Amino acid sequence: MTASGVLIFEKVSERAVYPWPVGDFDNAMDEALDIAMDYLERTEQAVKFLEVQRMAATAIVAAWKMGERNRLRLANIAIKAVERKTKQFPDDQKRG
């Protein structure tokens, strides 16, 4: 609640903070991963959640190291990386 008595609601992520392997961590990385994983879960591409999360996070870190800081672009990069990987091995995804 603010001083004027107005309640302000903020979206709080339900996921734990991902253990990023880079020293220059920024909240945009977590937000990008949340966006990507939400999409991948809704489209049923995150059946193997931890494996997919690791792939998405790896793509985000690579883009981050190349200078990308926009959370939506980072999320899109992660989604494309996962989709590319799962299209290469479609039978593995079905076997679970």
PDB file of N, CA and C in Angstrom:
ATOM      1  N   MET A   1       0.847  -1.168   0.000  1.00  0.00           N
ATOM      2  CA  MET A   1       0.000   0.000   0.000  1.00  0.00           C
ATOM      3  C   MET A   1       0.898   1.238   0.000  1.00  0.00           C
ATOM      4  N   THR A   2       0.538   2.213  -0.795  1.00  0.00           N
ATOM      5  CA  THR A   2       1.316   3.448  -0.873  1.00  0.00           C
ATOM      6  C   THR A   2       0.861   4.407   0.222  1.00  0.00           C
ATOM      7  N   ALA A   3       1.567   5.534   0.338  1.00  0.00           N
ATOM      8  CA  ALA A   3       1.236   6.543   1.342  1.00  0.00           C
ATOM      9  C   ALA A   3      -0.171   7.105   1.140  1.00  0.00           C
ATOM     10  N   SER A   4      -0.646   7.101  -0.105  1.00  0.00           N
ATOM     11  CA  SER A   4      -1.980   7.638  -0.375  1.00  0.00           C
ATOM     12  C   SER A   4      -3.081   6.616  -0.125  1.00  0.00           C
ATOM     13  N   GLY A   5      -2.697   5.410   0.319  1.00  0.00           N
ATOM     14  CA  GLY A   5      -3.688   4.390   0.617  1.00  0.00           C
ATOM     15  C   GLY A   5      -4.118   3.557  -0.581  1.00  0.00           C
ATOM     16  N   VAL A   6      -3.371   3.640  -1.667  1.00  0.00           N
ATOM     17  CA  VAL A   6      -3.702   2.884  -2.870  1.00  0.00           C
ATOM     18  C   VAL A   6      -2.895   1.592  -2.874  1.00  0.00           C
ATOM     19  N   LEU A   7      -3.587   0.487  -3.114  1.00  0.00           N
ATOM     20  CA  LEU A   7      -2.897  -0.789  -3.198  1.00  0.00           C
ATOM     21  C   LEU A   7      -2.276  -0.948  -4.583  1.00  0.00           C
ATOM     22  N   ILE A   8      -1.061  -1.425  -4.614  1.00  0.00           N
ATOM     23  CA  ILE A   8      -0.379  -1.673  -5.875  1.00  0.00           C
ATOM     24  C   ILE A   8      -0.034  -3.154  -5.915  1.00  0.00           C
ATOM     25  N   PHE A   9      -0.534  -3.825  -6.936  1.00  0.00           N
ATOM     26  CA  PHE A   9      -0.272  -5.246  -7.087  1.00  0.00           C
ATOM     27  C   PHE A   9       0.843  -5.442  -8.097  1.00  0.00           C
ATOM     28  N   GLU A  10       1.782  -6.276  -7.747  1.00  0.00           N
ATOM     29  CA  GLU A  10       2.865  -6.609  -8.657  1.00  0.00           C
ATOM     30  C   GLU A  10       2.802  -8.093  -8.952  1.00  0.00           C
ATOM     31  N   LYS A  11       3.112  -8.450 -10.191  1.00  0.00           N
ATOM     32  CA  LYS A  11       3.154  -9.856 -10.555  1.00  0.00           C
ATOM     33  C   LYS A  11       4.381 -10.471  -9.891  1.00  0.00           C
ATOM     34  N   VAL A  12       4.160 -11.517  -9.141  1.00  0.00           N
ATOM     35  CA  VAL A  12       5.259 -12.208  -8.486  1.00  0.00           C
ATOM     36  C   VAL A  12       5.416 -13.565  -9.151  1.00  0.00           C
ATOM     37  N   SER A  13       6.624 -13.854  -9.593  1.00  0.00           N
ATOM     38  CA  SER A  13       6.887 -15.129 -10.256  1.00  0.00           C
ATOM     39  C   SER A  13       6.690 -16.280  -9.283  1.00  0.00           C
ATOM     40  N   GLU A  14       6.084 -17.350  -9.770  1.00  0.00           N
ATOM     41  CA  GLU A  14       5.874 -18.535  -8.949  1.00  0.00           C
ATOM     42  C   GLU A  14       7.096 -19.443  -8.960  1.00  0.00           C
ATOM     43  N   ARG A  15       7.986 -19.244  -9.892  1.00  0.00           N
ATOM     44  CA  ARG A  15       9.163 -20.082 -10.005  1.00  0.00           C
ATOM     45  C   ARG A  15      10.292 -19.553  -9.136  1.00  0.00           C
ATOM     46  N   ALA A  16      11.138 -20.482  -8.735  1.00  0.00           N
ATOM     47  CA  ALA A  16      12.333 -20.090  -7.999  1.00  0.00           C
ATOM     48  C   ALA A  16      13.307 -19.434  -8.970  1.00  0.00           C
ATOM     49  N   VAL A  17      14.203 -18.642  -8.442  1.00  0.00           N
ATOM     50  CA  VAL A  17      15.206 -17.976  -9.276  1.00  0.00           C
ATOM     51  C   VAL A  17      16.131 -19.052  -9.845  1.00  0.00           C
ATOM     52  N   TYR A  18      16.361 -18.990 -11.151  1.00  0.00           N
ATOM     53  CA  TYR A  18      17.229 -19.954 -11.818  1.00  0.00           C
ATOM     54  C   TYR A  18      18.681 -19.669 -11.431  1.00  0.00           C
ATOM     55  N   PRO A  19      19.490 -20.710 -11.203  1.00  0.00           N
ATOM     56  CA  PRO A  19      20.907 -20.508 -10.823  1.00  0.00           C
ATOM     57  C   PRO A  19      21.775 -20.175 -12.032  1.00  0.00           C
ATOM     58  N   TRP A  20      21.762 -18.930 -12.438  1.00  0.00           N
ATOM     59  CA  TRP A  20      22.482 -18.494 -13.636  1.00  0.00           C
ATOM     60  C   TRP A  20      23.982 -18.635 -13.444  1.00  0.00           C
ATOM     61  N   PRO A  21      24.699 -19.134 -14.462  1.00  0.00           N
ATOM     62  CA  PRO A  21      26.143 -19.333 -14.347  1.00  0.00           C
ATOM     63  C   PRO A  21      26.972 -18.110 -14.729  1.00  0.00           C
ATOM     64  N   VAL A  22      26.376 -16.938 -14.732  1.00  0.00           N
ATOM     65  CA  VAL A  22      27.115 -15.726 -15.106  1.00  0.00           C
ATOM     66  C   VAL A  22      27.128 -14.761 -13.939  1.00  0.00           C
ATOM     67  N   GLY A  23      28.205 -14.009 -13.828  1.00  0.00           N
ATOM     68  CA  GLY A  23      28.350 -13.073 -12.723  1.00  0.00           C
ATOM     69  C   GLY A  23      27.531 -11.807 -12.878  1.00  0.00           C
ATOM     70  N   ASP A  24      27.254 -11.409 -14.124  1.00  0.00           N
ATOM     71  CA  ASP A  24      26.528 -10.157 -14.340  1.00  0.00           C
ATOM     72  C   ASP A  24      25.021 -10.412 -14.491  1.00  0.00           C
ATOM     73  N   PHE A  25      24.463 -11.174 -13.548  1.00  0.00           N
ATOM     74  CA  PHE A  25      23.045 -11.511 -13.558  1.00  0.00           C
ATOM     75  C   PHE A  25      22.176 -10.257 -13.513  1.00  0.00           C
ATOM     76  N   ASP A  26      21.063 -10.338 -14.214  1.00  0.00           N
ATOM     77  CA  ASP A  26      20.080  -9.259 -14.203  1.00  0.00           C
ATOM     78  C   ASP A  26      18.700  -9.897 -14.130  1.00  0.00           C
ATOM     79  N   ASN A  27      17.760  -9.214 -13.509  1.00  0.00           N
ATOM     80  CA  ASN A  27      16.401  -9.727 -13.370  1.00  0.00           C
ATOM     81  C   ASN A  27      15.747  -9.995 -14.727  1.00  0.00           C
ATOM     82  N   ALA A  28      16.192  -9.319 -15.771  1.00  0.00           N
ATOM     83  CA  ALA A  28      15.644  -9.535 -17.111  1.00  0.00           C
ATOM     84  C   ALA A  28      15.840 -10.977 -17.558  1.00  0.00           C
ATOM     85  N   MET A  29      16.912 -11.613 -17.099  1.00  0.00           N
ATOM     86  CA  MET A  29      17.160 -13.002 -17.458  1.00  0.00           C
ATOM     87  C   MET A  29      16.095 -13.917 -16.860  1.00  0.00           C
ATOM     88  N   ASP A  30      15.771 -13.709 -15.585  1.00  0.00           N
ATOM     89  CA  ASP A  30      14.715 -14.507 -14.946  1.00  0.00           C
ATOM     90  C   ASP A  30      13.365 -14.247 -15.595  1.00  0.00           C
ATOM     91  N   GLU A  31      13.078 -12.986 -15.891  1.00  0.00           N
ATOM     92  CA  GLU A  31      11.807 -12.650 -16.534  1.00  0.00           C
ATOM     93  C   GLU A  31      11.709 -13.299 -17.910  1.00  0.00           C
ATOM     94  N   ALA A  32      12.804 -13.277 -18.663  1.00  0.00           N
ATOM     95  CA  ALA A  32      12.820 -13.902 -19.985  1.00  0.00           C
ATOM     96  C   ALA A  32      12.594 -15.406 -19.874  1.00  0.00           C
ATOM     97  N   LEU A  33      13.242 -16.032 -18.899  1.00  0.00           N
ATOM     98  CA  LEU A  33      13.067 -17.470 -18.707  1.00  0.00           C
ATOM     99  C   LEU A  33      11.631 -17.794 -18.298  1.00  0.00           C
ATOM    100  N   ASP A  34      11.051 -16.981 -17.432  1.00  0.00           N
ATOM    101  CA  ASP A  34       9.646 -17.175 -17.031  1.00  0.00           C
ATOM    102  C   ASP A  34       8.713 -17.069 -18.240  1.00  0.00           C
ATOM    103  N   ILE A  35       8.933 -16.071 -19.070  1.00  0.00           N
ATOM    104  CA  ILE A  35       8.098 -15.874 -20.266  1.00  0.00           C
ATOM    105  C   ILE A  35       8.236 -17.078 -21.199  1.00  0.00           C
ATOM    106  N   ALA A  36       9.470 -17.482 -21.448  1.00  0.00           N
ATOM    107  CA  ALA A  36       9.713 -18.607 -22.349  1.00  0.00           C
ATOM    108  C   ALA A  36       9.108 -19.897 -21.807  1.00  0.00           C
ATOM    109  N   MET A  37       9.314 -20.171 -20.532  1.00  0.00           N
ATOM    110  CA  MET A  37       8.799 -21.414 -19.956  1.00  0.00           C
ATOM    111  C   MET A  37       7.273 -21.410 -19.886  1.00  0.00           C
ATOM    112  N   ASP A  38       6.682 -20.258 -19.634  1.00  0.00           N
ATOM    113  CA  ASP A  38       5.221 -20.167 -19.636  1.00  0.00           C
ATOM    114  C   ASP A  38       4.682 -20.544 -21.014  1.00  0.00           C
ATOM    115  N   TYR A  39       5.279 -19.989 -22.060  1.00  0.00           N
ATOM    116  CA  TYR A  39       4.860 -20.305 -23.430  1.00  0.00           C
ATOM    117  C   TYR A  39       5.076 -21.786 -23.727  1.00  0.00           C
ATOM    118  N   LEU A  40       6.251 -22.293 -23.388  1.00  0.00           N
ATOM    119  CA  LEU A  40       6.576 -23.687 -23.692  1.00  0.00           C
ATOM    120  C   LEU A  40       5.675 -24.656 -22.931  1.00  0.00           C
ATOM    121  N   GLU A  41       5.298 -24.308 -21.706  1.00  0.00           N
ATOM    122  CA  GLU A  41       4.360 -25.140 -20.949  1.00  0.00           C
ATOM    123  C   GLU A  41       2.971 -25.104 -21.572  1.00  0.00           C
ATOM    124  N   ARG A  42       2.505 -23.933 -21.927  1.00  0.00           N
ATOM    125  CA  ARG A  42       1.163 -23.789 -22.512  1.00  0.00           C
ATOM    126  C   ARG A  42       1.045 -24.495 -23.860  1.00  0.00           C
ATOM    127  N   THR A  43       2.147 -24.599 -24.586  1.00  0.00           N
ATOM    128  CA  THR A  43       2.132 -25.272 -25.885  1.00  0.00           C
ATOM    129  C   THR A  43       2.604 -26.724 -25.768  1.00  0.00           C
ATOM    130  N   GLU A  44       2.693 -27.204 -24.538  1.00  0.00           N
ATOM    131  CA  GLU A  44       3.058 -28.595 -24.229  1.00  0.00           C
ATOM    132  C   GLU A  44       4.419 -29.001 -24.791  1.00  0.00           C
ATOM    133  N   GLN A  45       5.330 -28.047 -24.823  1.00  0.00           N
ATOM    134  CA  GLN A  45       6.690 -28.325 -25.279  1.00  0.00           C
ATOM    135  C   GLN A  45       7.655 -28.475 -24.113  1.00  0.00           C
ATOM    136  N   ALA A  46       7.140 -28.387 -22.888  1.00  0.00           N
ATOM    137  CA  ALA A  46       7.997 -28.477 -21.708  1.00  0.00           C
ATOM    138  C   ALA A  46       7.658 -29.713 -20.881  1.00  0.00           C
ATOM    139  N   VAL A  47       7.413 -30.828 -21.572  1.00  0.00           N
ATOM    140  CA  VAL A  47       7.083 -32.073 -20.879  1.00  0.00           C
ATOM    141  C   VAL A  47       8.234 -32.471 -19.955  1.00  0.00           C
ATOM    142  N   LYS A  48       9.435 -32.399 -20.480  1.00  0.00           N
ATOM    143  CA  LYS A  48      10.639 -32.645 -19.669  1.00  0.00           C
ATOM    144  C   LYS A  48      11.103 -31.281 -19.156  1.00  0.00           C
ATOM    145  N   PHE A  49      10.445 -30.793 -18.111  1.00  0.00           N
ATOM    146  CA  PHE A  49      10.584 -29.410 -17.668  1.00  0.00           C
ATOM    147  C   PHE A  49      12.037 -28.994 -17.429  1.00  0.00           C
ATOM    148  N   LEU A  50      12.767 -29.742 -16.621  1.00  0.00           N
ATOM    149  CA  LEU A  50      14.130 -29.330 -16.268  1.00  0.00           C
ATOM    150  C   LEU A  50      15.054 -29.316 -17.480  1.00  0.00           C
ATOM    151  N   GLU A  51      14.890 -30.296 -18.370  1.00  0.00           N
ATOM    152  CA  GLU A  51      15.710 -30.338 -19.585  1.00  0.00           C
ATOM    153  C   GLU A  51      15.404 -29.136 -20.489  1.00  0.00           C
ATOM    154  N   VAL A  52      14.125 -28.841 -20.653  1.00  0.00           N
ATOM    155  CA  VAL A  52      13.709 -27.705 -21.484  1.00  0.00           C
ATOM    156  C   VAL A  52      14.154 -26.396 -20.839  1.00  0.00           C
ATOM    157  N   GLN A  53      14.011 -26.306 -19.521  1.00  0.00           N
ATOM    158  CA  GLN A  53      14.430 -25.095 -18.816  1.00  0.00           C
ATOM    159  C   GLN A  53      15.928 -24.865 -18.993  1.00  0.00           C
ATOM    160  N   ARG A  54      16.702 -25.926 -18.928  1.00  0.00           N
ATOM    161  CA  ARG A  54      18.156 -25.812 -19.093  1.00  0.00           C
ATOM    162  C   ARG A  54      18.498 -25.334 -20.508  1.00  0.00           C
ATOM    163  N   MET A  55      17.803 -25.895 -21.520  1.00  0.00           N
ATOM    164  CA  MET A  55      18.033 -25.466 -22.913  1.00  0.00           C
ATOM    165  C   MET A  55      17.708 -23.981 -23.079  1.00  0.00           C
ATOM    166  N   ALA A  56      16.557 -23.570 -22.532  1.00  0.00           N
ATOM    167  CA  ALA A  56      16.124 -22.174 -22.645  1.00  0.00           C
ATOM    168  C   ALA A  56      17.113 -21.252 -21.934  1.00  0.00           C
ATOM    169  N   ALA A  57      17.531 -21.643 -20.740  1.00  0.00           N
ATOM    170  CA  ALA A  57      18.470 -20.817 -19.973  1.00  0.00           C
ATOM    171  C   ALA A  57      19.811 -20.696 -20.684  1.00  0.00           C
ATOM    172  N   THR A  58      20.260 -21.776 -21.293  1.00  0.00           N
ATOM    173  CA  THR A  58      21.528 -21.754 -22.032  1.00  0.00           C
ATOM    174  C   THR A  58      21.448 -20.769 -23.193  1.00  0.00           C
ATOM    175  N   ALA A  59      20.322 -20.768 -23.897  1.00  0.00           N
ATOM    176  CA  ALA A  59      20.139 -19.834 -25.013  1.00  0.00           C
ATOM    177  C   ALA A  59      20.102 -18.387 -24.516  1.00  0.00           C
ATOM    178  N   ILE A  60      19.463 -18.164 -23.376  1.00  0.00           N
ATOM    179  CA  ILE A  60      19.392 -16.812 -22.801  1.00  0.00           C
ATOM    180  C   ILE A  60      20.786 -16.336 -22.403  1.00  0.00           C
ATOM    181  N   VAL A  61      21.565 -17.198 -21.768  1.00  0.00           N
ATOM    182  CA  VAL A  61      22.921 -16.823 -21.361  1.00  0.00           C
ATOM    183  C   VAL A  61      23.777 -16.479 -22.581  1.00  0.00           C
ATOM    184  N   ALA A  62      23.668 -17.288 -23.635  1.00  0.00           N
ATOM    185  CA  ALA A  62      24.450 -17.022 -24.853  1.00  0.00           C
ATOM    186  C   ALA A  62      24.085 -15.660 -25.448  1.00  0.00           C
ATOM    187  N   ALA A  63      22.792 -15.371 -25.524  1.00  0.00           N
ATOM    188  CA  ALA A  63      22.347 -14.078 -26.062  1.00  0.00           C
ATOM    189  C   ALA A  63      22.771 -12.939 -25.139  1.00  0.00           C
ATOM    190  N   TRP A  64      22.704 -13.170 -23.827  1.00  0.00           N
ATOM    191  CA  TRP A  64      23.103 -12.159 -22.840  1.00  0.00           C
ATOM    192  C   TRP A  64      24.576 -11.806 -23.018  1.00  0.00           C
ATOM    193  N   LYS A  65      25.400 -12.825 -23.199  1.00  0.00           N
ATOM    194  CA  LYS A  65      26.837 -12.604 -23.372  1.00  0.00           C
ATOM    195  C   LYS A  65      27.150 -11.853 -24.666  1.00  0.00           C
ATOM    196  N   MET A  66      26.229 -11.949 -25.635  1.00  0.00           N
ATOM    197  CA  MET A  66      26.411 -11.229 -26.898  1.00  0.00           C
ATOM    198  C   MET A  66      25.831  -9.816 -26.835  1.00  0.00           C
ATOM    199  N   GLY A  67      25.275  -9.440 -25.674  1.00  0.00           N
ATOM    200  CA  GLY A  67      24.820  -8.074 -25.484  1.00  0.00           C
ATOM    201  C   GLY A  67      23.317  -7.846 -25.505  1.00  0.00           C
ATOM    202  N   GLU A  68      22.520  -8.894 -25.710  1.00  0.00           N
ATOM    203  CA  GLU A  68      21.065  -8.726 -25.722  1.00  0.00           C
ATOM    204  C   GLU A  68      20.571  -8.514 -24.296  1.00  0.00           C
ATOM    205  N   ARG A  69      19.766  -7.466 -24.078  1.00  0.00           N
ATOM    206  CA  ARG A  69      19.250  -7.155 -22.744  1.00  0.00           C
ATOM    207  C   ARG A  69      17.728  -7.064 -22.687  1.00  0.00           C
ATOM    208  N   ASN A  70      17.065  -7.116 -23.831  1.00  0.00           N
ATOM    209  CA  ASN A  70      15.603  -7.018 -23.857  1.00  0.00           C
ATOM    210  C   ASN A  70      14.988  -8.358 -23.479  1.00  0.00           C
ATOM    211  N   ARG A  71      14.160  -8.362 -22.438  1.00  0.00           N
ATOM    212  CA  ARG A  71      13.620  -9.622 -21.918  1.00  0.00           C
ATOM    213  C   ARG A  71      12.738 -10.361 -22.919  1.00  0.00           C
ATOM    214  N   LEU A  72      12.000  -9.635 -23.755  1.00  0.00           N
ATOM    215  CA  LEU A  72      11.147 -10.303 -24.744  1.00  0.00           C
ATOM    216  C   LEU A  72      11.982 -10.939 -25.859  1.00  0.00           C
ATOM    217  N   ARG A  73      13.025 -10.251 -26.286  1.00  0.00           N
ATOM    218  CA  ARG A  73      13.907 -10.844 -27.294  1.00  0.00           C
ATOM    219  C   ARG A  73      14.642 -12.050 -26.722  1.00  0.00           C
ATOM    220  N   LEU A  74      15.064 -11.938 -25.466  1.00  0.00           N
ATOM    221  CA  LEU A  74      15.719 -13.076 -24.813  1.00  0.00           C
ATOM    222  C   LEU A  74      14.766 -14.274 -24.732  1.00  0.00           C
ATOM    223  N   ALA A  75      13.509 -14.020 -24.379  1.00  0.00           N
ATOM    224  CA  ALA A  75      12.511 -15.093 -24.300  1.00  0.00           C
ATOM    225  C   ALA A  75      12.297 -15.732 -25.665  1.00  0.00           C
ATOM    226  N   ASN A  76      12.193 -14.914 -26.703  1.00  0.00           N
ATOM    227  CA  ASN A  76      12.006 -15.449 -28.058  1.00  0.00           C
ATOM    228  C   ASN A  76      13.199 -16.289 -28.503  1.00  0.00           C
ATOM    229  N   ILE A  77      14.381 -15.855 -28.160  1.00  0.00           N
ATOM    230  CA  ILE A  77      15.591 -16.616 -28.492  1.00  0.00           C
ATOM    231  C   ILE A  77      15.545 -17.978 -27.807  1.00  0.00           C
ATOM    232  N   ALA A  78      15.138 -17.992 -26.551  1.00  0.00           N
ATOM    233  CA  ALA A  78      15.041 -19.245 -25.798  1.00  0.00           C
ATOM    234  C   ALA A  78      13.993 -20.172 -26.400  1.00  0.00           C
ATOM    235  N   ILE A  79      12.834 -19.626 -26.738  1.00  0.00           N
ATOM    236  CA  ILE A  79      11.754 -20.429 -27.327  1.00  0.00           C
ATOM    237  C   ILE A  79      12.213 -21.038 -28.649  1.00  0.00           C
ATOM    238  N   LYS A  80      12.829 -20.225 -29.489  1.00  0.00           N
ATOM    239  CA  LYS A  80      13.312 -20.727 -30.785  1.00  0.00           C
ATOM    240  C   LYS A  80      14.356 -21.816 -30.604  1.00  0.00           C
ATOM    241  N   ALA A  81      15.240 -21.662 -29.626  1.00  0.00           N
ATOM    242  CA  ALA A  81      16.279 -22.666 -29.380  1.00  0.00           C
ATOM    243  C   ALA A  81      15.650 -23.998 -28.966  1.00  0.00           C
ATOM    244  N   VAL A  82      14.652 -23.946 -28.099  1.00  0.00           N
ATOM    245  CA  VAL A  82      13.982 -25.177 -27.651  1.00  0.00           C
ATOM    246  C   VAL A  82      13.220 -25.806 -28.813  1.00  0.00           C
ATOM    247  N   GLU A  83      12.491 -24.987 -29.566  1.00  0.00           N
ATOM    248  CA  GLU A  83      11.717 -25.523 -30.688  1.00  0.00           C
ATOM    249  C   GLU A  83      12.622 -26.137 -31.748  1.00  0.00           C
ATOM    250  N   ARG A  84      13.757 -25.500 -32.008  1.00  0.00           N
ATOM    251  CA  ARG A  84      14.720 -26.038 -32.974  1.00  0.00           C
ATOM    252  C   ARG A  84      15.237 -27.405 -32.512  1.00  0.00           C
ATOM    253  N   LYS A  85      15.561 -27.483 -31.237  1.00  0.00           N
ATOM    254  CA  LYS A  85      16.113 -28.721 -30.667  1.00  0.00           C
ATOM    255  C   LYS A  85      15.071 -29.835 -30.682  1.00  0.00           C
ATOM    256  N   THR A  86      13.832 -29.540 -30.322  1.00  0.00           N
ATOM    257  CA  THR A  86      12.801 -30.577 -30.264  1.00  0.00           C
ATOM    258  C   THR A  86      12.361 -31.013 -31.650  1.00  0.00           C
ATOM    259  N   LYS A  87      12.494 -30.145 -32.655  1.00  0.00           N
ATOM    260  CA  LYS A  87      12.167 -30.544 -34.032  1.00  0.00           C
ATOM    261  C   LYS A  87      13.220 -31.492 -34.584  1.00  0.00           C
ATOM    262  N   GLN A  88      14.446 -31.387 -34.088  1.00  0.00           N
ATOM    263  CA  GLN A  88      15.511 -32.282 -34.533  1.00  0.00           C
ATOM    264  C   GLN A  88      15.279 -33.707 -34.027  1.00  0.00           C
ATOM    265  N   PHE A  89      14.682 -33.817 -32.838  1.00  0.00           N
ATOM    266  CA  PHE A  89      14.471 -35.115 -32.205  1.00  0.00           C
ATOM    267  C   PHE A  89      13.022 -35.290 -31.781  1.00  0.00           C
ATOM    268  N   PRO A  90      12.069 -35.305 -32.717  1.00  0.00           N
ATOM    269  CA  PRO A  90      10.649 -35.363 -32.351  1.00  0.00           C
ATOM    270  C   PRO A  90      10.252 -36.650 -31.656  1.00  0.00           C
ATOM    271  N   ASP A  91      10.875 -37.796 -31.970  1.00  0.00           N
ATOM    272  CA  ASP A  91      10.517 -39.057 -31.337  1.00  0.00           C
ATOM    273  C   ASP A  91      10.910 -39.089 -29.875  1.00  0.00           C
ATOM    274  N   ASP A  92      12.022 -38.454 -29.508  1.00  0.00           N
ATOM    275  CA  ASP A  92      12.460 -38.417 -28.117  1.00  0.00           C
ATOM    276  C   ASP A  92      11.430 -37.708 -27.253  1.00  0.00           C
ATOM    277  N   GLN A  93      10.830 -36.653 -27.766  1.00  0.00           N
ATOM    278  CA  GLN A  93       9.831 -35.873 -27.024  1.00  0.00           C
ATOM    279  C   GLN A  93       8.598 -36.730 -26.761  1.00  0.00           C
ATOM    280  N   LYS A  94       8.198 -37.554 -27.732  1.00  0.00           N
ATOM    281  CA  LYS A  94       7.003 -38.374 -27.586  1.00  0.00           C
ATOM    282  C   LYS A  94       7.184 -39.503 -26.588  1.00  0.00           C
ATOM    283  N   ARG A  95       8.391 -40.060 -26.509  1.00  0.00           N
ATOM    284  CA  ARG A  95       8.656 -41.174 -25.600  1.00  0.00           C
ATOM    285  C   ARG A  95       8.654 -40.763 -24.153  1.00  0.00           C
ATOM    286  N   GLY A  96       8.995 -39.474 -23.886  1.00  0.00           N
ATOM    287  CA  GLY A  96       8.982 -38.925 -22.538  1.00  0.00           C
ATOM    288  C   GLY A  96      10.023 -39.524 -21.715  1.00  0.00           C
TER     289      GLY A  96
END
